[in-house]
Structure formats: structure tokens, C-alpha cells
Amino acid sequence: MSWEEVPLFDSEEAEASFWSENGIDVRLMEGAVAAGAEVSESITITLRMDPRMLARIKRLARSRYLNYQSMIKQWLSERMEQELRER
């Protein structure tokens, strides 16, 4: 399973139902940890977003035992790689 296969949930009940029937591939978790270890320097930015979207992102991150900021960086990195491959 990849992170893209995990749906966005309309409610906590829907999320709980999904995770009761699905698991996280250990390789995804290892990739998230490894990606964070490779970054030796970072720059702080400000990103404005809808509070409801941020709450959903935080719930998703918690369900994956990740920091939400790390998860967002992982998503951006994955998408950037995808865009570069499609060029």
C-alpha cells in the first residue's frame, strides 16, 4: 500500500473502520523515517490552510504514527519525484 491509497475520511468512524480492516506496510514507515534522516538542513516556511484540512491531516498523521509536518513533507517529496519522472 502507498500513502496515496489511503482515502481521506469524512468522519472518525469511517477512519476507524478503514484502519480496523487495513494495515500500514512497514516499508512505508521505514521510508518516512529514512526520508527525515537524510535532511541535514531545513528552512522554515509559513503555509496558510483551512483549519478543517489541517485537522484532517493531523488525524491522518496520528493514525500513521507520524508528525503531521513530516507527513506533509513526505507527500510533497513523493509528488515532486512523480512530477519529475513524468517530464
Protein backbone atom coordinates (compact mmCIF):
# COMPACT_ATOMS: atom_id res chain seq x y z
CA MET A 1 0.00 0.00 0.00
CA SER A 2 1.17 3.55 -0.70
CA TRP A 3 0.04 6.68 1.14
CA GLU A 4 -1.94 7.68 -1.95
CA GLU A 5 -4.13 4.60 -1.48
CA VAL A 6 -5.28 5.76 1.95
CA PRO A 7 -8.51 7.71 1.49
CA LEU A 8 -9.42 10.98 3.15
CA PHE A 9 -12.11 10.30 5.71
CA ASP A 10 -15.34 12.19 6.29
CA SER A 11 -15.55 11.12 9.92
CA GLU A 12 -13.54 9.46 12.64
CA GLU A 13 -15.88 6.47 12.40
CA ALA A 14 -15.03 5.99 8.72
CA GLU A 15 -11.33 6.28 9.52
CA ALA A 16 -11.60 3.78 12.38
CA SER A 17 -13.45 1.37 10.12
CA PHE A 18 -10.78 1.65 7.43
CA TRP A 19 -7.89 1.06 9.84
CA SER A 20 -9.65 -1.87 11.50
CA GLU A 21 -9.59 -3.63 8.11
CA ASN A 22 -6.27 -2.32 6.73
CA GLY A 23 -2.71 -2.07 7.94
CA ILE A 24 0.33 0.02 7.15
CA ASP A 25 3.12 -1.58 5.18
CA VAL A 26 6.27 -1.42 7.30
CA ARG A 27 8.25 -0.20 4.28
CA LEU A 28 6.15 2.98 4.22
CA MET A 29 7.02 3.73 7.83
CA GLU A 30 10.72 2.96 7.21
CA GLY A 31 10.65 5.27 4.18
CA ALA A 32 9.20 8.08 6.26
CA VAL A 33 11.91 7.69 8.90
CA ALA A 34 14.70 7.39 6.31
CA ALA A 35 13.50 10.45 4.41
CA GLY A 36 13.62 12.52 7.59
CA ALA A 37 17.16 11.35 8.39
CA GLU A 38 18.52 12.45 5.00
CA VAL A 39 17.65 16.09 5.56
CA SER A 40 20.52 17.84 7.27
CA GLU A 41 19.30 21.37 6.78
CA SER A 42 15.83 22.87 6.55
CA ILE A 43 14.17 26.22 6.09
CA THR A 44 11.08 27.31 7.97
CA ILE A 45 8.17 28.47 5.80
CA THR A 46 4.67 29.67 6.52
CA LEU A 47 1.78 27.90 4.82
CA ARG A 48 -1.81 29.01 5.33
CA MET A 49 -4.51 26.38 5.09
CA ASP A 50 -8.08 25.76 6.04
CA PRO A 51 -8.30 24.68 9.71
CA ARG A 52 -10.53 21.72 8.80
CA MET A 53 -7.98 20.49 6.26
CA LEU A 54 -5.20 20.77 8.84
CA ALA A 55 -7.30 18.84 11.38
CA ARG A 56 -7.82 16.05 8.84
CA ILE A 57 -4.11 15.98 8.03
CA LYS A 58 -3.26 15.75 11.72
CA ARG A 59 -5.72 12.86 12.18
CA LEU A 60 -4.20 11.02 9.23
CA ALA A 61 -0.70 11.58 10.56
CA ARG A 62 -1.66 10.35 14.04
CA SER A 63 -3.16 7.21 12.56
CA ARG A 64 0.20 6.55 10.86
CA TYR A 65 2.23 7.42 13.97
CA LEU A 66 3.83 10.35 12.16
CA ASN A 67 4.29 14.01 12.90
CA TYR A 68 1.91 15.88 10.59
CA GLN A 69 4.65 18.17 9.32
CA SER A 70 6.83 15.20 8.43
CA MET A 71 3.93 13.60 6.61
CA ILE A 72 3.28 16.77 4.59
CA LYS A 73 6.99 16.91 3.65
CA GLN A 74 6.85 13.27 2.61
CA TRP A 75 3.78 13.92 0.44
CA LEU A 76 5.50 16.89 -1.21
CA SER A 77 8.65 14.87 -1.82
CA GLU A 78 6.69 11.96 -3.33
CA ARG A 79 4.72 14.29 -5.60
CA MET A 80 7.83 16.15 -6.70
CA GLU A 81 9.51 12.85 -7.66
CA GLN A 82 6.37 11.81 -9.57
CA GLU A 83 6.27 15.11 -11.45
CA LEU A 84 9.96 14.84 -12.35
CA ARG A 85 9.53 11.26 -13.62
CA GLU A 86 6.62 12.31 -15.84
CA ARG A 87 8.64 15.03 -17.60
